[in-house]
Amino acid sequence: MTDRTTTSRDGIRGFRAGDGPQVVQVWRRSAPTDPVTADRFRSLVLLDPNFDPQGLRVAVEAGRVVGAAYAVRRLTPMTGTDLEPEQGWIPFFFVDPAARRRGLGRRLLTDALDWLHGHGRTRVDFSSYTPNYVLPGLDAETYPEAALLLQSLGFRTLYEAEAMDRGLVGYRFPKDVARRMDELTAQGYRFATPSDDDLVDLFALAQNHFGPDWACTIRACLAAGTPLDRIVVVRDPSHRMAGWAMHGAFDAVDERFGPIGVLPQMRGTGLGEVLLHLVLERMRARRAHSAWFLWTGAQSPAGHLYRKTGFTTTRVFRVMRREAAL
């Protein structure tokens, strides 16, 4: 393993000022299916409160960046005071095509794992780091060599996440969903764009029933300027917030749908389907040609709802984990 204190131009080392443009360029060459822009790299990595430049392991040959592996652990808790002291993540790694077949990917990943291990991380996930994940996990069909490498290093699949897409050209609000919305409204349910004050209950709903990362995602996108009309909320007859759906929450991409959530005890009432179509209707009104998202469980209630609504699977990701004792 390369000495991390080396001053040599070559080897594996932590990120330094001036590396960013080369990292972005090599990323694009290495993963053309999932390219990145400079501003997205800045947002996902450099502006992440958990970013440690020593965790972004950069491979340099002849003074040029030829690969990278990003290791991250919590420096700021997602919620409360929990820093998840045993948990680490590798959100991405890549090697320039011209530098492959020489074991560089294995050396980079091993170096990143050693760095996390040195900080007490005995459990490492690829690549479901929140809130700034690049992809939900590994697309083994697109990156078969990466799948073999991760498996050889002890990563095992925990579960799979599906990305889905639905065209919106010619979209019409379904009549049966409109009827169900009318029935729910007659019962006292209220669907609306949230007001500023509604956000208090929305954050509580997302955090308490769906995880702190969902609440953080909604809060961060609104703080960055996402308009409130990208969100539809529903309150039940007792005025309790029962669910929401939205688009434009990630990277300000209007065609990216989600997240969506309905209180568990209210599933099966049609609330989720109404929320989904209310947001699709708004997306089409903004001239979106499609709706897409990266992450759902194939057999989850949401997965079944999406397929019923006309979404089809575009990619499958393996969420993978490696565990090792200190």
Protein backbone atom coordinates (compact mmCIF):
# COMPACT_ATOMS: atom_id res chain seq x y z
CA MET A 1 0.00 0.00 0.00
CA THR A 2 1.24 3.48 -0.81
CA ASP A 3 2.60 5.55 2.09
CA ARG A 4 0.02 8.29 2.61
CA THR A 5 2.72 10.75 3.67
CA THR A 6 4.67 10.46 0.43
CA THR A 7 5.49 13.63 -1.47
CA SER A 8 5.96 11.75 -4.73
CA ARG A 9 3.90 12.81 -7.72
CA ASP A 10 2.81 9.23 -8.27
CA GLY A 11 0.99 6.66 -6.14
CA ILE A 12 -2.24 6.65 -4.13
CA ARG A 13 -2.87 9.61 -1.87
CA GLY A 14 -5.57 11.85 -0.49
CA PHE A 15 -7.33 14.52 -2.51
CA ARG A 16 -5.45 17.80 -3.01
CA ALA A 17 -6.39 21.20 -4.36
CA GLY A 18 -6.11 21.03 -8.13
CA ASP A 19 -7.25 17.39 -8.40
CA GLY A 20 -10.92 18.17 -8.96
CA PRO A 21 -10.97 18.87 -12.71
CA GLN A 22 -8.93 15.74 -13.45
CA VAL A 23 -11.09 13.60 -11.15
CA VAL A 24 -14.21 14.76 -13.03
CA GLN A 25 -12.61 14.11 -16.43
CA VAL A 26 -11.40 10.63 -15.51
CA TRP A 27 -14.78 9.83 -13.94
CA ARG A 28 -16.47 10.65 -17.25
CA ARG A 29 -14.09 8.45 -19.24
CA SER A 30 -14.35 5.62 -16.75
CA ALA A 31 -18.12 5.60 -16.26
CA PRO A 32 -19.76 7.12 -19.36
CA THR A 33 -23.11 5.63 -18.32
CA ASP A 34 -22.97 7.72 -15.13
CA PRO A 35 -20.98 10.87 -15.92
CA VAL A 36 -20.59 13.76 -13.49
CA THR A 37 -20.27 17.51 -13.90
CA ALA A 38 -17.95 19.75 -11.93
CA ASP A 39 -20.81 21.37 -10.04
CA ARG A 40 -22.37 18.01 -9.17
CA PHE A 41 -19.00 16.72 -7.95
CA ARG A 42 -18.69 19.84 -5.82
CA SER A 43 -22.19 19.36 -4.39
CA LEU A 44 -21.98 15.60 -3.77
CA VAL A 45 -18.43 15.44 -2.46
CA LEU A 46 -16.62 18.67 -1.70
CA LEU A 47 -19.57 20.36 0.03
CA ASP A 48 -20.58 17.26 1.97
CA PRO A 49 -20.11 18.02 5.71
CA ASN A 50 -18.65 14.51 6.06
CA PHE A 51 -16.03 15.04 3.35
CA ASP A 52 -12.45 14.36 4.46
CA PRO A 53 -9.91 14.96 1.66
CA GLN A 54 -7.83 12.04 2.92
CA GLY A 55 -10.84 9.76 2.38
CA LEU A 56 -10.95 10.53 -1.33
CA ARG A 57 -8.11 8.27 -2.41
CA VAL A 58 -6.63 9.42 -5.71
CA ALA A 59 -4.34 7.35 -7.95
CA VAL A 60 -1.70 9.36 -9.80
CA GLU A 61 0.63 8.14 -12.56
CA ALA A 62 3.14 10.38 -14.32
CA GLY A 63 1.58 13.34 -12.53
CA ARG A 64 -1.91 12.58 -13.87
CA VAL A 65 -5.01 11.36 -12.02
CA VAL A 66 -5.93 7.90 -13.33
CA GLY A 67 -8.47 6.75 -10.76
CA ALA A 68 -10.15 7.38 -7.42
CA ALA A 69 -12.02 5.62 -4.62
CA TYR A 70 -14.07 7.63 -2.16
CA ALA A 71 -14.22 6.49 1.48
CA VAL A 72 -16.48 8.42 3.84
CA ARG A 73 -17.59 8.18 7.44
CA ARG A 74 -19.89 10.43 9.44
CA LEU A 75 -18.32 13.53 10.92
CA THR A 76 -21.74 15.13 11.33
CA PRO A 77 -24.69 13.01 12.52
CA MET A 78 -27.65 12.55 10.24
CA THR A 79 -29.85 13.12 13.27
CA GLY A 80 -29.28 13.52 16.99
CA THR A 81 -25.76 12.59 18.06
CA ASP A 82 -25.31 9.25 16.27
CA LEU A 83 -22.10 9.22 14.21
CA GLU A 84 -22.53 5.50 13.38
CA PRO A 85 -18.99 4.79 14.59
CA GLU A 86 -18.79 1.30 13.01
CA GLN A 87 -20.17 2.35 9.62
CA GLY A 88 -18.32 3.54 6.54
CA TRP A 89 -19.23 3.89 2.88
CA ILE A 90 -17.60 3.79 -0.52
CA PRO A 91 -20.01 5.78 -2.72
CA PHE A 92 -17.90 5.40 -5.88
CA PHE A 93 -14.62 4.23 -7.37
CA PHE A 94 -13.26 4.24 -10.90
CA VAL A 95 -10.12 3.68 -12.97
CA ASP A 96 -9.26 5.30 -16.29
CA PRO A 97 -9.74 2.70 -19.08
CA ALA A 98 -6.12 3.27 -20.17
CA ALA A 99 -4.86 2.30 -16.68
CA ARG A 100 -6.86 -0.92 -16.23
CA ARG A 101 -5.74 -4.57 -16.20
CA ARG A 102 -2.88 -3.75 -13.82
CA GLY A 103 -4.62 -4.21 -10.48
CA LEU A 104 -5.09 -0.49 -9.83
CA GLY A 105 -8.78 -0.83 -8.97
CA ARG A 106 -7.99 -3.44 -6.32
CA ARG A 107 -5.21 -1.27 -4.87
CA LEU A 108 -7.48 1.77 -4.74
CA LEU A 109 -10.33 -0.08 -3.05
CA THR A 110 -7.98 -1.79 -0.59
CA ASP A 111 -6.44 1.57 0.24
CA ALA A 112 -9.89 3.11 0.80
CA LEU A 113 -10.96 0.18 2.99
CA ASP A 114 -7.74 0.42 5.00
CA TRP A 115 -8.40 4.13 5.53
CA LEU A 116 -11.88 3.41 6.86
CA HIS A 117 -10.54 0.53 8.96
CA GLY A 118 -8.00 2.89 10.46
CA HIS A 119 -10.88 5.07 11.61
CA GLY A 120 -12.58 2.14 13.32
CA ARG A 121 -15.06 1.32 10.58
CA THR A 122 -15.72 -2.41 10.52
CA ARG A 123 -18.82 -2.29 8.30
CA VAL A 124 -18.56 -0.72 4.84
CA ASP A 125 -21.43 -0.31 2.37
CA PHE A 126 -21.27 0.20 -1.35
CA SER A 127 -22.74 2.60 -2.20
CA SER A 128 -25.87 3.56 -0.28
CA TYR A 129 -24.40 6.54 1.53
CA THR A 130 -26.94 9.17 2.49
CA PRO A 131 -27.63 11.91 1.90
CA ASN A 132 -25.15 12.24 -1.00
CA TYR A 133 -25.21 8.90 -2.76
CA VAL A 134 -24.18 8.82 -6.40
CA LEU A 135 -26.06 5.61 -7.21
CA PRO A 136 -28.05 3.32 -4.87
CA GLY A 137 -25.58 0.48 -5.37
CA LEU A 138 -23.73 -1.42 -8.06
CA ASP A 139 -25.25 -1.89 -11.51
CA ALA A 140 -23.58 -5.24 -12.16
CA GLU A 141 -24.89 -5.43 -15.71
CA THR A 142 -23.19 -2.16 -16.62
CA TYR A 143 -20.08 -2.74 -14.50
CA PRO A 144 -19.44 -6.52 -14.38
CA GLU A 145 -15.72 -6.14 -13.60
CA ALA A 146 -16.50 -3.89 -10.64
CA ALA A 147 -18.97 -6.51 -9.38
CA LEU A 148 -16.31 -9.22 -9.48
CA LEU A 149 -13.79 -6.96 -7.75
CA LEU A 150 -16.15 -6.02 -4.92
CA GLN A 151 -17.10 -9.66 -4.40
CA SER A 152 -13.45 -10.69 -4.28
CA LEU A 153 -12.87 -8.12 -1.53
CA GLY A 154 -15.65 -9.57 0.63
CA PHE A 155 -18.65 -7.44 -0.34
CA ARG A 156 -21.95 -9.32 -0.31
CA THR A 157 -25.32 -8.22 -1.68
CA LEU A 158 -27.82 -7.11 0.99
CA TYR A 159 -30.71 -6.37 -1.35
CA GLU A 160 -31.46 -4.89 -4.75
CA ALA A 161 -32.93 -1.52 -5.67
CA GLU A 162 -34.64 -0.78 -8.96
CA ALA A 163 -34.55 2.42 -10.99
CA MET A 164 -37.72 3.10 -12.96
CA ASP A 165 -38.92 5.41 -15.71
CA ARG A 166 -42.29 6.43 -17.17
CA GLY A 167 -42.97 8.56 -20.22
CA LEU A 168 -45.26 11.55 -19.68
CA VAL A 169 -45.97 12.54 -23.28
CA GLY A 170 -49.72 12.27 -23.63
CA TYR A 171 -50.20 11.76 -19.88
CA ARG A 172 -53.75 12.08 -18.58
CA PHE A 173 -54.91 11.97 -14.97
CA PRO A 174 -56.68 8.58 -14.70
CA LYS A 175 -60.45 8.77 -14.22
CA ASP A 176 -60.51 6.09 -11.54
CA VAL A 177 -57.85 7.92 -9.53
CA ALA A 178 -59.80 11.18 -9.91
CA ARG A 179 -62.90 9.42 -8.55
CA ARG A 180 -60.94 8.07 -5.59
CA MET A 181 -59.57 11.54 -4.91
CA ASP A 182 -63.12 12.93 -4.88
CA GLU A 183 -64.18 10.20 -2.43
CA LEU A 184 -61.27 10.92 -0.12
CA THR A 185 -61.93 14.65 -0.30
CA ALA A 186 -65.59 14.04 0.61
CA GLN A 187 -64.36 12.10 3.66
CA GLY A 188 -62.34 15.11 4.81
CA TYR A 189 -58.90 14.49 3.29
CA ARG A 190 -57.17 17.58 1.92
CA PHE A 191 -54.57 17.52 -0.87
CA ALA A 192 -52.56 20.70 -1.35
CA THR A 193 -49.25 22.40 -1.91
CA PRO A 194 -47.74 22.80 1.57
CA SER A 195 -47.50 26.20 3.18
CA ASP A 196 -44.37 27.23 5.04
CA ASP A 197 -45.98 26.19 8.33
CA ASP A 198 -46.90 22.77 6.91
CA LEU A 199 -43.19 21.99 6.58
CA VAL A 200 -42.90 21.37 10.31
CA ASP A 201 -45.30 18.43 10.07
CA LEU A 202 -43.82 17.26 6.76
CA PHE A 203 -40.31 17.02 8.22
CA ALA A 204 -41.66 15.16 11.26
CA LEU A 205 -43.58 12.71 9.06
CA ALA A 206 -40.56 12.02 6.86
CA GLN A 207 -38.11 11.63 9.75
CA ASN A 208 -40.27 9.62 12.14
CA HIS A 209 -41.75 7.20 9.60
CA PHE A 210 -39.31 7.05 6.68
CA GLY A 211 -35.85 7.90 8.05
CA PRO A 212 -33.82 11.03 8.79
CA ASP A 213 -32.23 11.01 5.32
CA TRP A 214 -35.63 11.69 3.74
CA ALA A 215 -36.22 14.66 6.02
CA CYS A 216 -32.71 15.94 5.28
CA THR A 217 -33.31 15.60 1.53
CA ILE A 218 -36.52 17.62 1.64
CA ARG A 219 -35.02 20.26 3.93
CA ALA A 220 -31.87 20.61 1.80
CA CYS A 221 -33.71 20.97 -1.52
CA LEU A 222 -36.05 23.61 -0.13
CA ALA A 223 -33.15 25.50 1.41
CA ALA A 224 -31.48 25.43 -2.02
CA GLY A 225 -34.53 27.08 -3.58
CA THR A 226 -36.80 24.25 -4.76
CA PRO A 227 -40.32 25.78 -4.96
CA LEU A 228 -43.00 24.46 -2.65
CA ASP A 229 -45.24 23.67 -5.62
CA ARG A 230 -43.01 20.67 -6.35
CA ILE A 231 -44.64 19.03 -3.31
CA VAL A 232 -48.17 17.77 -2.67
CA VAL A 233 -49.19 16.88 0.89
CA VAL A 234 -52.34 15.29 2.25
CA ARG A 235 -53.94 15.73 5.66
CA ASP A 236 -56.51 13.30 7.01
CA PRO A 237 -59.91 14.34 8.45
CA SER A 238 -58.31 14.94 11.86
CA HIS A 239 -55.83 17.34 10.18
CA ARG A 240 -52.89 14.97 10.71
CA MET A 241 -50.37 14.98 7.88
CA ALA A 242 -50.77 11.55 6.30
CA GLY A 243 -48.45 11.64 3.28
CA TRP A 244 -46.68 13.58 0.59
CA ALA A 245 -45.14 13.21 -2.86
CA MET A 246 -42.77 15.49 -4.76
CA HIS A 247 -40.38 15.96 -7.63
CA GLY A 248 -37.26 18.06 -8.16
CA ALA A 249 -35.79 17.13 -4.78
CA PHE A 250 -32.45 15.89 -6.12
CA ASP A 251 -30.04 18.18 -7.98
CA ALA A 252 -33.02 20.39 -8.95
CA VAL A 253 -33.90 17.89 -11.71
CA ASP A 254 -37.61 18.43 -12.39
CA GLU A 255 -38.06 15.03 -14.09
CA ARG A 256 -36.77 13.12 -11.09
CA PHE A 257 -39.74 11.92 -9.06
CA GLY A 258 -39.72 11.39 -5.31
CA PRO A 259 -39.57 10.85 -2.51
CA ILE A 260 -43.13 9.78 -1.72
CA GLY A 261 -44.48 8.49 1.57
CA VAL A 262 -47.79 7.61 3.20
CA LEU A 263 -48.35 6.67 6.83
CA PRO A 264 -48.12 2.86 7.08
CA GLN A 265 -51.59 2.53 8.62
CA MET A 266 -53.10 4.41 5.67
CA ARG A 267 -51.63 2.31 2.89
CA GLY A 268 -54.23 0.60 0.75
CA THR A 269 -56.56 3.60 0.95
CA GLY A 270 -55.50 5.04 -2.40
CA LEU A 271 -53.71 8.03 -0.87
CA GLY A 272 -50.37 7.07 -2.40
CA GLU A 273 -51.82 6.61 -5.87
CA VAL A 274 -53.58 9.97 -5.74
CA LEU A 275 -50.41 11.72 -4.52
CA LEU A 276 -48.35 10.06 -7.24
CA HIS A 277 -50.69 11.17 -10.02
CA LEU A 278 -51.07 14.69 -8.63
CA VAL A 279 -47.30 15.08 -8.88
CA LEU A 280 -47.12 13.49 -12.35
CA GLU A 281 -49.81 15.93 -13.46
CA ARG A 282 -47.74 18.84 -12.20
CA MET A 283 -44.62 17.47 -13.85
CA ARG A 284 -46.38 17.22 -17.20
CA ALA A 285 -47.69 20.77 -16.76
CA ARG A 286 -44.05 21.82 -16.47
CA ARG A 287 -43.47 20.06 -19.84
CA ALA A 288 -41.59 17.10 -18.40
CA HIS A 289 -41.28 14.33 -20.98
CA SER A 290 -40.69 11.60 -18.40
CA ALA A 291 -40.60 10.80 -14.71
CA TRP A 292 -37.82 8.70 -13.26
CA PHE A 293 -36.20 7.73 -9.98
CA LEU A 294 -33.29 5.57 -8.83
CA TRP A 295 -34.46 3.58 -5.86
CA THR A 296 -37.38 1.34 -4.95
CA GLY A 297 -37.78 -2.22 -3.79
CA ALA A 298 -39.15 -4.47 -6.51
CA GLN A 299 -41.63 -6.17 -4.17
CA SER A 300 -42.35 -3.17 -1.96
CA PRO A 301 -45.80 -1.50 -1.92
CA ALA A 302 -44.22 1.47 -3.74
CA GLY A 303 -42.74 -0.84 -6.37
CA HIS A 304 -46.14 -2.38 -7.09
CA LEU A 305 -47.74 1.08 -7.27
CA TYR A 306 -45.14 2.34 -9.73
CA ARG A 307 -45.62 -0.62 -12.05
CA LYS A 308 -49.40 -0.18 -11.89
CA THR A 309 -48.86 3.46 -12.90
CA GLY A 310 -46.83 2.52 -15.96
CA PHE A 311 -43.27 2.76 -14.65
CA THR A 312 -40.83 0.16 -15.97
CA THR A 313 -37.48 -0.94 -14.58
CA THR A 314 -34.48 0.63 -16.30
CA ARG A 315 -31.63 -0.52 -14.02
CA VAL A 316 -31.07 -2.81 -11.05
CA PHE A 317 -28.57 -1.93 -8.32
CA ARG A 318 -27.00 -4.20 -5.72
CA VAL A 319 -26.61 -2.64 -2.29
CA MET A 320 -23.48 -4.39 -0.97
CA ARG A 321 -21.75 -4.67 2.42
CA ARG A 322 -18.38 -5.82 3.72
CA GLU A 323 -17.84 -6.60 7.39
CA ALA A 324 -14.47 -7.15 9.05
CA ALA A 325 -13.30 -7.15 12.66
CA LEU A 326 -10.74 -4.64 13.90
